[in-house]
Protein backbone atom coordinates (compact mmCIF):
# COMPACT_ATOMS: atom_id res chain seq x y z
CA MET A 1 -0.04 0.04 0.04
CA ASN A 2 1.07 3.56 -0.91
CA THR A 3 1.72 5.06 2.66
CA ARG A 4 1.66 8.80 0.97
CA ALA A 5 -1.45 8.75 -0.65
CA LEU A 6 -2.42 6.99 2.63
CA ARG A 7 -1.48 10.18 4.05
CA ARG A 8 -3.38 12.05 1.77
CA ILE A 9 -6.73 10.55 1.60
CA GLY A 10 -6.40 11.44 4.98
CA LEU A 11 -6.63 14.89 4.63
CA VAL A 12 -10.39 14.33 2.99
CA ALA A 13 -13.29 13.57 5.18
CA GLY A 14 -17.00 13.60 4.91
CA VAL A 15 -19.80 10.99 5.79
CA ALA A 16 -22.06 9.87 2.69
CA THR A 17 -26.22 8.85 3.27
CA THR A 18 -26.84 5.38 1.91
CA SER A 19 -29.77 2.70 2.10
CA ALA A 20 -28.90 -0.71 1.69
CA ILE A 21 -30.98 -3.24 -0.24
CA VAL A 22 -29.84 -6.95 0.58
CA LEU A 23 -30.51 -9.24 -2.43
CA ALA A 24 -30.29 -13.05 -2.13
CA GLY A 25 -28.70 -15.23 -4.81
CA CYS A 26 -30.57 -17.94 -5.88
CA ALA A 27 -29.82 -21.63 -7.42
CA GLY A 28 -29.47 -21.12 -11.33
CA SER A 29 -26.85 -21.63 -13.97
CA SER A 30 -23.46 -20.19 -13.72
CA ASP A 31 -22.54 -20.30 -17.66
CA ALA A 32 -22.58 -17.04 -17.50
CA ALA A 33 -20.44 -16.54 -14.26
CA PRO A 34 -17.34 -14.40 -15.42
CA SER A 35 -13.71 -15.60 -14.33
CA GLY A 36 -12.42 -15.04 -10.58
CA ASP A 37 -13.74 -15.68 -7.23
CA ALA A 38 -17.29 -15.30 -8.45
CA GLY A 39 -16.87 -18.48 -9.65
CA SER A 40 -15.25 -20.27 -7.36
CA GLY A 41 -18.16 -21.74 -5.01
CA GLU A 42 -17.15 -19.82 -2.33
CA LYS A 43 -19.97 -18.49 -0.43
CA ILE A 44 -19.44 -14.50 -0.77
CA GLU A 45 -21.14 -11.01 -0.13
CA LEU A 46 -20.29 -8.22 -2.50
CA THR A 47 -21.05 -4.68 -1.27
CA LEU A 48 -22.09 -2.25 -4.58
CA ALA A 49 -22.29 1.82 -3.77
CA THR A 50 -23.59 3.96 -6.29
CA PHE A 51 -26.00 7.33 -6.22
CA ASN A 52 -28.59 8.65 -7.83
CA ASP A 53 -30.06 5.70 -10.12
CA PHE A 54 -27.62 3.70 -11.87
CA GLY A 55 -30.53 1.57 -13.50
CA TYR A 56 -28.97 -1.17 -10.89
CA THR A 57 -32.55 -2.96 -10.26
CA ASP A 58 -33.20 -5.43 -7.74
CA GLU A 59 -33.97 -8.02 -10.82
CA LEU A 60 -30.66 -6.60 -12.88
CA LEU A 61 -28.78 -7.92 -9.83
CA GLN A 62 -30.65 -10.69 -9.41
CA GLU A 63 -29.69 -11.79 -12.51
CA TYR A 64 -26.11 -11.83 -11.52
CA MET A 65 -26.40 -14.02 -8.50
CA ASP A 66 -28.81 -16.47 -10.47
CA ALA A 67 -25.69 -17.08 -12.63
CA ASN A 68 -23.63 -16.89 -9.41
CA PRO A 69 -25.27 -18.74 -6.85
CA ASN A 70 -22.32 -18.15 -4.37
CA ILE A 71 -22.50 -14.30 -4.52
CA THR A 72 -25.06 -12.09 -2.51
CA ILE A 73 -25.00 -8.59 -3.45
CA VAL A 74 -25.71 -5.88 -0.94
CA HIS A 75 -26.74 -2.71 -2.90
CA ASN A 76 -25.91 0.95 -1.06
CA LYS A 77 -26.98 3.78 -2.71
CA ALA A 78 -26.16 6.86 -1.71
CA ALA A 79 -29.08 10.30 -2.40
CA GLU A 80 -26.11 11.98 -4.68
CA SER A 81 -23.30 12.44 -6.00
CA GLY A 82 -21.66 14.40 -3.23
CA ASP A 83 -22.60 12.12 -0.38
CA ALA A 84 -20.64 9.13 -2.40
CA ARG A 85 -17.57 11.41 -2.85
CA ALA A 86 -17.19 12.46 0.80
CA ASN A 87 -17.65 8.72 1.48
CA TYR A 88 -15.18 7.67 -0.86
CA PHE A 89 -12.36 9.81 -0.13
CA GLN A 90 -12.80 9.24 3.69
CA LYS A 91 -11.99 5.56 3.59
CA LEU A 92 -10.12 5.13 0.40
CA GLY A 93 -6.93 3.17 1.29
CA LYS A 94 -8.32 2.14 4.72
CA GLU A 95 -11.32 0.25 5.58
CA GLY A 96 -15.06 0.60 4.81
CA LEU A 97 -15.84 0.90 1.21
CA ALA A 98 -17.81 -1.27 -0.73
CA ASP A 99 -16.23 -3.80 -2.58
CA VAL A 100 -17.46 -1.86 -6.00
CA GLU A 101 -17.49 2.03 -5.68
CA ALA A 102 -18.97 4.50 -8.13
CA VAL A 103 -16.94 7.69 -8.91
CA GLU A 104 -18.56 10.52 -10.72
CA ILE A 105 -17.19 11.88 -13.47
CA ASP A 106 -16.65 15.71 -11.89
CA TRP A 107 -14.40 14.16 -9.31
CA PHE A 108 -13.19 10.89 -11.02
CA ALA A 109 -9.88 12.75 -11.92
CA GLU A 110 -9.24 13.46 -8.05
CA ALA A 111 -9.61 9.77 -7.35
CA MET A 112 -6.83 9.58 -9.78
CA GLN A 113 -4.48 11.07 -7.93
CA TYR A 114 -4.57 7.87 -6.10
CA SER A 115 -5.10 4.98 -9.00
CA ASP A 116 -2.83 3.02 -6.69
CA LEU A 117 -4.84 2.17 -4.28
CA LEU A 118 -7.49 0.81 -7.34
CA ALA A 119 -7.40 -2.51 -8.50
CA GLU A 120 -6.44 -2.75 -12.70
CA VAL A 121 -9.33 -3.77 -14.98
CA PRO A 122 -8.67 -7.10 -16.40
CA ASP A 123 -7.40 -7.17 -20.08
CA SER A 124 -10.61 -8.83 -21.24
CA ALA A 125 -12.67 -5.74 -20.96
CA LYS A 126 -10.28 -2.79 -22.42
CA GLY A 127 -10.99 -1.23 -25.45
CA ARG A 128 -14.76 -1.94 -24.39
CA TRP A 129 -15.55 2.10 -24.01
CA LEU A 130 -15.15 4.90 -25.75
CA ASP A 131 -11.47 6.03 -25.93
CA TRP A 132 -12.08 9.49 -24.11
CA LYS A 133 -14.17 7.54 -21.29
CA GLU A 134 -11.26 4.47 -21.35
CA ALA A 135 -8.46 7.08 -21.51
CA GLY A 136 -9.75 9.17 -18.39
CA ALA A 137 -9.28 6.00 -16.35
CA THR A 138 -5.87 5.07 -17.46
CA ASP A 139 -3.00 6.27 -15.07
CA GLY A 140 0.18 7.86 -15.94
CA ASP A 141 1.78 4.03 -15.53
CA GLY A 142 -1.13 2.87 -18.33
CA ARG A 143 -3.08 1.25 -15.33
CA LEU A 144 -6.86 0.94 -16.59
CA VAL A 145 -8.49 1.59 -13.27
CA GLY A 146 -12.30 2.42 -13.93
CA PHE A 147 -15.40 0.51 -15.62
CA GLY A 148 -17.19 3.39 -17.62
CA THR A 149 -20.86 3.39 -16.99
CA ASP A 150 -22.82 5.94 -18.95
CA ILE A 151 -22.20 8.98 -20.63
CA GLY A 152 -24.48 12.12 -19.92
CA PRO A 153 -26.10 13.83 -23.56
CA GLN A 154 -28.07 16.33 -22.63
CA ALA A 155 -32.33 17.17 -23.94
CA ILE A 156 -34.51 19.13 -22.85
CA CYS A 157 -37.12 17.15 -20.66
CA TYR A 158 -40.88 18.89 -19.69
CA ARG A 159 -44.33 19.09 -18.96
CA ALA A 160 -46.37 19.26 -22.42
CA ASP A 161 -49.26 19.94 -20.12
CA LEU A 162 -47.64 22.81 -18.36
CA PHE A 163 -46.31 24.31 -21.75
CA GLU A 164 -49.69 24.13 -23.22
CA ALA A 165 -51.40 25.84 -20.60
CA ALA A 166 -49.05 28.30 -21.05
CA GLY A 167 -49.96 29.01 -24.56
CA LEU A 168 -46.10 27.41 -25.85
CA ALA A 169 -45.71 24.72 -28.10
CA SER A 170 -45.97 20.93 -26.56
CA ALA A 171 -45.14 18.82 -29.01
CA PRO A 172 -41.60 17.33 -28.68
CA ALA A 173 -40.50 18.46 -32.25
CA ASP A 174 -42.07 22.20 -32.02
CA VAL A 175 -40.81 22.08 -28.50
CA ALA A 176 -37.22 21.56 -30.12
CA ALA A 177 -37.77 24.18 -32.74
CA LEU A 178 -38.57 26.72 -29.76
CA PHE A 179 -35.52 25.95 -27.80
CA GLU A 180 -33.43 25.77 -31.03
CA GLY A 181 -30.47 28.17 -30.50
CA ASP A 182 -28.44 29.58 -27.92
CA TRP A 183 -28.86 29.89 -24.07
CA ASN A 184 -30.14 33.32 -24.01
CA ASN A 185 -33.12 31.92 -26.46
CA PHE A 186 -33.71 29.15 -23.70
CA PHE A 187 -33.78 32.21 -21.29
CA ASP A 188 -36.37 34.08 -23.65
CA VAL A 189 -38.74 30.65 -23.81
CA ALA A 190 -38.24 30.79 -19.77
CA ASP A 191 -39.27 34.78 -19.53
CA GLN A 192 -42.50 34.09 -21.32
CA TYR A 193 -43.34 30.91 -19.55
CA LYS A 194 -43.25 32.84 -16.08
CA ALA A 195 -45.37 35.44 -17.84
CA ALA A 196 -48.05 33.32 -18.88
CA THR A 197 -48.32 31.27 -15.55
CA GLY A 198 -46.25 33.53 -12.93
CA LYS A 199 -43.98 30.12 -12.13
CA PRO A 200 -40.78 29.34 -12.94
CA MET A 201 -39.63 27.31 -16.27
CA ILE A 202 -36.51 25.80 -14.81
CA ASP A 203 -36.07 23.06 -11.99
CA ALA A 204 -33.23 24.88 -10.82
CA ALA A 205 -30.46 27.63 -11.43
CA ASN A 206 -27.35 25.66 -11.26
CA SER A 207 -28.47 23.22 -13.69
CA ALA A 208 -28.28 25.69 -16.23
CA LEU A 209 -24.88 26.54 -14.69
CA GLN A 210 -23.86 23.27 -15.16
CA GLY A 211 -24.94 23.02 -18.61
CA ILE A 212 -22.93 26.05 -19.94
CA VAL A 213 -19.79 25.10 -18.09
CA ASN A 214 -19.95 21.67 -19.55
CA GLN A 215 -19.60 23.16 -23.10
CA MET A 216 -16.39 24.71 -22.17
CA GLU A 217 -13.04 22.99 -22.92
CA PHE A 218 -11.28 24.52 -20.38
CA THR A 219 -13.18 26.01 -17.11
CA TYR A 220 -11.18 26.37 -13.95
CA THR A 221 -7.26 24.97 -15.09
CA GLU A 222 -5.51 23.77 -18.09
CA PRO A 223 -3.40 20.83 -18.82
CA ASP A 224 -0.02 22.38 -17.57
CA GLY A 225 -1.59 23.05 -14.08
CA THR A 226 -2.76 26.75 -14.91
CA VAL A 227 -5.26 28.02 -12.73
CA ILE A 228 -7.63 29.82 -14.91
CA ALA A 229 -10.44 29.93 -12.57
CA THR A 230 -11.13 33.43 -11.61
CA GLU A 231 -9.34 35.27 -15.24
CA ASN A 232 -11.97 33.38 -17.13
CA GLN A 233 -13.85 35.45 -19.16
CA GLU A 234 -16.18 32.40 -20.41
CA ILE A 235 -16.79 31.46 -16.49
CA GLU A 236 -17.43 34.90 -15.28
CA ASP A 237 -19.82 35.24 -18.12
CA ALA A 238 -21.18 32.12 -17.54
CA TYR A 239 -21.80 32.95 -13.72
CA ASN A 240 -23.42 36.46 -14.73
CA LEU A 241 -25.53 34.97 -17.51
CA VAL A 242 -26.99 32.74 -14.62
CA VAL A 243 -27.72 34.93 -11.84
CA GLU A 244 -29.53 37.23 -13.90
CA ARG A 245 -31.50 35.12 -16.02
CA ALA A 246 -31.50 31.45 -14.57
CA ILE A 247 -32.63 32.72 -10.76
CA PRO A 248 -35.73 34.56 -12.03
CA ASN A 249 -36.72 31.76 -13.81
CA ALA A 250 -35.75 28.93 -11.56
CA ALA A 251 -37.88 27.18 -8.52
CA TYR A 252 -34.64 25.68 -6.84
CA SER A 253 -30.94 27.04 -6.72
CA GLY A 254 -30.01 23.27 -7.05
CA GLN A 255 -30.95 19.91 -7.39
CA TRP A 256 -31.27 16.66 -4.72
CA SER A 257 -33.14 18.37 -2.15
CA ASP A 258 -36.67 16.25 -1.07
CA ASP A 259 -38.63 19.49 -2.06
CA TRP A 260 -36.81 19.20 -5.68
CA ASN A 261 -37.83 15.83 -5.72
CA ALA A 262 -41.41 16.26 -5.15
CA SER A 263 -41.48 19.32 -7.41
CA MET A 264 -41.05 16.92 -10.60
CA ALA A 265 -44.78 16.06 -9.45
CA ASN A 266 -46.67 19.10 -7.91
CA GLY A 267 -45.87 21.23 -11.50
CA GLU A 268 -43.69 23.76 -9.15
CA PHE A 269 -41.74 23.93 -12.98
CA ALA A 270 -42.24 22.59 -16.11
CA ALA A 271 -39.09 22.08 -17.62
CA MET A 272 -35.02 20.20 -17.12
CA LEU A 273 -32.12 19.98 -18.72
CA CYS A 274 -32.02 16.53 -18.96
CA PRO A 275 -29.27 13.42 -19.42
CA GLY A 276 -30.24 10.06 -20.15
CA TRP A 277 -29.30 9.71 -16.52
CA MET A 278 -32.02 12.25 -15.10
CA LEU A 279 -35.20 9.87 -16.77
CA GLY A 280 -35.32 7.48 -14.06
CA ILE A 281 -35.01 10.42 -11.53
CA ILE A 282 -38.22 12.23 -12.97
CA SER A 283 -40.42 8.98 -13.55
CA GLY A 284 -39.53 8.02 -10.04
CA ASN A 285 -40.52 10.92 -8.44
CA ALA A 286 -43.25 11.79 -11.11
CA PRO A 287 -45.10 7.96 -11.40
CA GLU A 288 -48.51 9.36 -11.44
CA VAL A 289 -47.60 12.30 -13.96
CA THR A 290 -48.63 11.93 -17.75
CA GLY A 291 -47.19 15.03 -19.14
CA TRP A 292 -43.77 14.77 -19.08
CA GLU A 293 -41.70 14.45 -22.82
CA ILE A 294 -38.45 15.02 -24.13
CA ALA A 295 -36.96 16.83 -27.11
CA ASP A 296 -34.25 16.41 -29.06
CA VAL A 297 -32.35 19.50 -28.36
CA PHE A 298 -29.89 21.22 -25.91
CA PRO A 299 -29.11 25.34 -25.46
CA ASN A 300 -25.73 26.42 -27.48
CA GLY A 301 -25.95 23.03 -29.25
CA GLY A 302 -24.82 19.80 -27.08
CA ALA A 303 -23.24 19.09 -24.04
CA ASN A 304 -22.72 16.03 -21.78
CA TRP A 305 -23.43 16.14 -18.09
CA GLY A 306 -22.06 13.49 -15.86
CA GLY A 307 -21.19 9.68 -16.71
CA SER A 308 -19.55 7.45 -14.21
CA TYR A 309 -16.84 5.01 -13.17
CA LEU A 310 -16.81 1.63 -11.32
CA THR A 311 -14.09 1.24 -9.26
CA VAL A 312 -12.49 -1.43 -7.16
CA PRO A 313 -10.64 -0.87 -3.98
CA ALA A 314 -7.30 -2.49 -4.13
CA ASN A 315 -7.48 -3.54 -0.21
CA GLY A 316 -11.11 -4.88 -0.78
CA LYS A 317 -11.71 -8.65 0.71
CA ASN A 318 -13.15 -9.66 -2.17
CA VAL A 319 -10.94 -8.11 -5.22
CA GLU A 320 -11.13 -10.84 -7.70
CA ALA A 321 -15.29 -11.40 -7.30
CA ALA A 322 -15.65 -7.58 -7.24
CA LEU A 323 -13.72 -7.09 -10.55
CA ALA A 324 -15.76 -9.38 -11.88
CA LEU A 325 -19.05 -8.13 -10.93
CA ALA A 326 -18.16 -4.54 -11.72
CA ASP A 327 -16.70 -6.68 -15.22
CA TRP A 328 -20.63 -7.94 -16.22
CA LEU A 329 -22.37 -4.66 -15.19
CA THR A 330 -20.22 -2.61 -17.33
CA ALA A 331 -20.56 -5.31 -20.07
CA PRO A 332 -22.51 -3.65 -23.33
CA GLU A 333 -25.50 -6.04 -22.63
CA GLN A 334 -26.06 -4.77 -18.87
CA GLN A 335 -25.33 -1.48 -20.34
CA ALA A 336 -27.92 -1.93 -22.74
CA LYS A 337 -30.43 -2.56 -19.75
CA THR A 338 -29.53 0.09 -17.75
CA PHE A 339 -30.16 2.43 -20.59
CA VAL A 340 -33.91 0.42 -20.56
CA ASN A 341 -33.84 0.61 -16.49
CA ALA A 342 -32.70 4.28 -16.13
CA GLY A 343 -32.24 6.10 -18.93
CA GLN A 344 -28.32 5.79 -18.78
CA PHE A 345 -26.85 5.99 -21.88
CA PRO A 346 -24.16 3.50 -22.45
CA SER A 347 -20.37 4.34 -22.81
CA ALA A 348 -19.50 0.98 -24.09
CA ILE A 349 -19.46 1.51 -27.93
CA ASP A 350 -20.97 -2.01 -28.89
CA ALA A 351 -24.13 -0.93 -26.62
CA GLN A 352 -24.78 2.15 -28.35
CA SER A 353 -25.91 0.21 -31.73
CA ASP A 354 -27.75 -2.82 -29.62
CA PRO A 355 -31.30 -2.34 -30.82
CA ALA A 356 -32.27 -2.33 -27.18
CA ILE A 357 -30.44 1.06 -27.48
CA THR A 358 -31.80 2.30 -31.05
CA ASP A 359 -35.30 1.18 -31.05
CA SER A 360 -35.67 1.76 -27.12
CA THR A 361 -38.96 4.15 -26.05
CA ASN A 362 -39.76 5.14 -22.83
CA GLU A 363 -43.54 4.64 -21.97
CA PHE A 364 -43.75 7.30 -19.25
CA PHE A 365 -42.17 9.87 -21.13
CA ASN A 366 -45.10 9.25 -23.84
CA ASN A 367 -43.06 6.55 -25.69
CA ALA A 368 -40.56 8.95 -26.55
CA PRO A 369 -37.83 7.62 -29.04
CA THR A 370 -35.21 7.64 -26.28
CA GLY A 371 -32.69 5.77 -28.23
CA GLU A 372 -33.16 7.96 -31.17
CA ILE A 373 -33.29 11.29 -28.93
CA PHE A 374 -29.95 10.71 -26.56
CA ALA A 375 -27.75 9.22 -29.95
CA ALA A 376 -28.32 12.52 -31.80
CA ARG A 377 -27.61 14.35 -28.79
CA SER A 378 -24.45 12.28 -28.23
CA GLU A 379 -23.20 13.25 -32.13
CA ALA A 380 -24.07 16.95 -31.06
CA ILE A 381 -21.74 17.19 -28.09
CA THR A 382 -18.21 18.95 -29.37
CA VAL A 383 -16.59 20.04 -25.93
CA THR A 384 -15.35 17.36 -23.49
CA PRO A 385 -14.55 19.98 -20.95
CA TYR A 386 -10.84 19.65 -19.16
CA LYS A 387 -10.81 17.99 -15.52
CA ASP A 388 -8.28 17.62 -13.36
CA ALA A 389 -7.88 17.06 -9.80
CA ASN A 390 -9.09 19.90 -8.73
CA TYR A 391 -12.47 20.42 -10.86
CA PHE A 392 -14.74 19.26 -8.37
CA LYS A 393 -14.03 21.95 -5.51
CA TYR A 394 -13.69 24.87 -7.98
CA HIS A 395 -16.78 24.27 -9.44
CA ASP A 396 -18.96 23.30 -6.08
CA ALA A 397 -17.73 26.79 -4.71
CA LEU A 398 -18.99 28.94 -7.86
CA GLN A 399 -22.17 26.80 -7.49
CA ASN A 400 -22.21 27.87 -3.79
CA ALA A 401 -21.80 31.36 -5.52
CA VAL A 402 -24.74 31.01 -7.23
CA ASN A 403 -26.58 29.63 -4.32
CA ARG A 404 -25.90 32.57 -1.92
CA VAL A 405 -27.72 34.80 -4.81
CA PHE A 406 -30.51 32.73 -4.91
CA ASP A 407 -31.01 32.80 -1.46
CA GLY A 408 -30.09 36.10 -0.76
CA THR A 409 -27.55 35.89 1.44
CA GLU A 410 -25.30 37.93 -1.33
CA ASP A 411 -25.67 40.15 -3.98
CA GLN A 412 -24.24 39.32 -7.47
CA THR A 413 -20.49 40.80 -6.99
CA THR A 414 -20.28 40.25 -3.55
CA SER A 415 -21.01 36.70 -4.46
CA TRP A 416 -18.68 36.47 -7.00
CA ASN A 417 -15.79 38.01 -4.69
CA THR A 418 -16.41 35.68 -2.33
CA TRP A 419 -15.91 32.83 -4.98
CA VAL A 420 -12.67 34.64 -6.00
CA ALA A 421 -11.81 35.00 -2.44
CA GLU A 422 -12.33 31.01 -2.18
CA VAL A 423 -10.46 30.14 -5.18
CA ASN A 424 -7.26 32.28 -4.18
CA ALA A 425 -7.22 30.49 -0.77
CA PHE A 426 -7.42 26.96 -1.98
């Protein structure tokens, strides 16, 4: 174990909130069992830690256990990525992490500082994923230490019934035409909705910030380590645009609160910037609502929001069995299933051409052709932002600056200056 890395890890602390679902393995054929401890016959309990909704349903995990009757999977799911991050860096290299841990793309570069504490992906799985996805999980020694799960091409999800009541276009093709254009056009439509209804159109101001920032090649740092955060005019312009135009049209400052979850059903807002993985969150929070639709469009072109990896801590008790489970969960066949389950658009190349993806529709979203929509949204992505180990803390601090303006604790200029001071103190 790298003691230097352990000392670094010790500087980061936090607690994640999780809920466990214990699934008991059933007897069945082991023909599909991956190589490794999973097929050894030894009784093994594997813990899997994720967040939000990866599409790893009880039924999907049961498939693995049916093929591997010696395995029991315990799935711990944090409410959101920030909880998972705190737990991950508190415990990595020590004790207490799950056998398989999910890591979100915004803080994966941070995790790559400690790649020596992660088990290497088997050679048999290498080459499975998009080049940029695999490159992001390969360390300086050429070790691939992350199993790619999804990517996050974005569309716009909206309430057709609320749009129609506001006198706006409501059919998906017409809504796509309505939103075609830049961010100012997007906010112009939000202004129209608010003028007609008195309610905000957008779910969260920081969702808009995320979408805008994800269209920048360089945000807070450059590849040579130069910190450009406070001098980057694109970032300052994004902050000002969000404060001046998103905040007046947003129901919330940020996402993931209980009230935000409930608002997907109660009509508090009418539209969301919507990566594929958001579909399961919307349908899960508004199961009785019939008005949700998807428009094949995104302000200013295309953007990727999110996408994750599965990692296996090298000091885990069941490393070989954990690698086998992570391998299976991120294989093309399972990535096709998680797209159907939760809209997780696959990073595995072969999965993207699977009819389960290309022909997929989503009943909750009025049978929207989700496979076609998110394939088109993926093709619209022209920029993948550079993210180093400090990306998360700079971006999180900027989101907090938006929060302060939204809450009224600081004005636009003061909150920006507070963020500048925070960045300079990091």
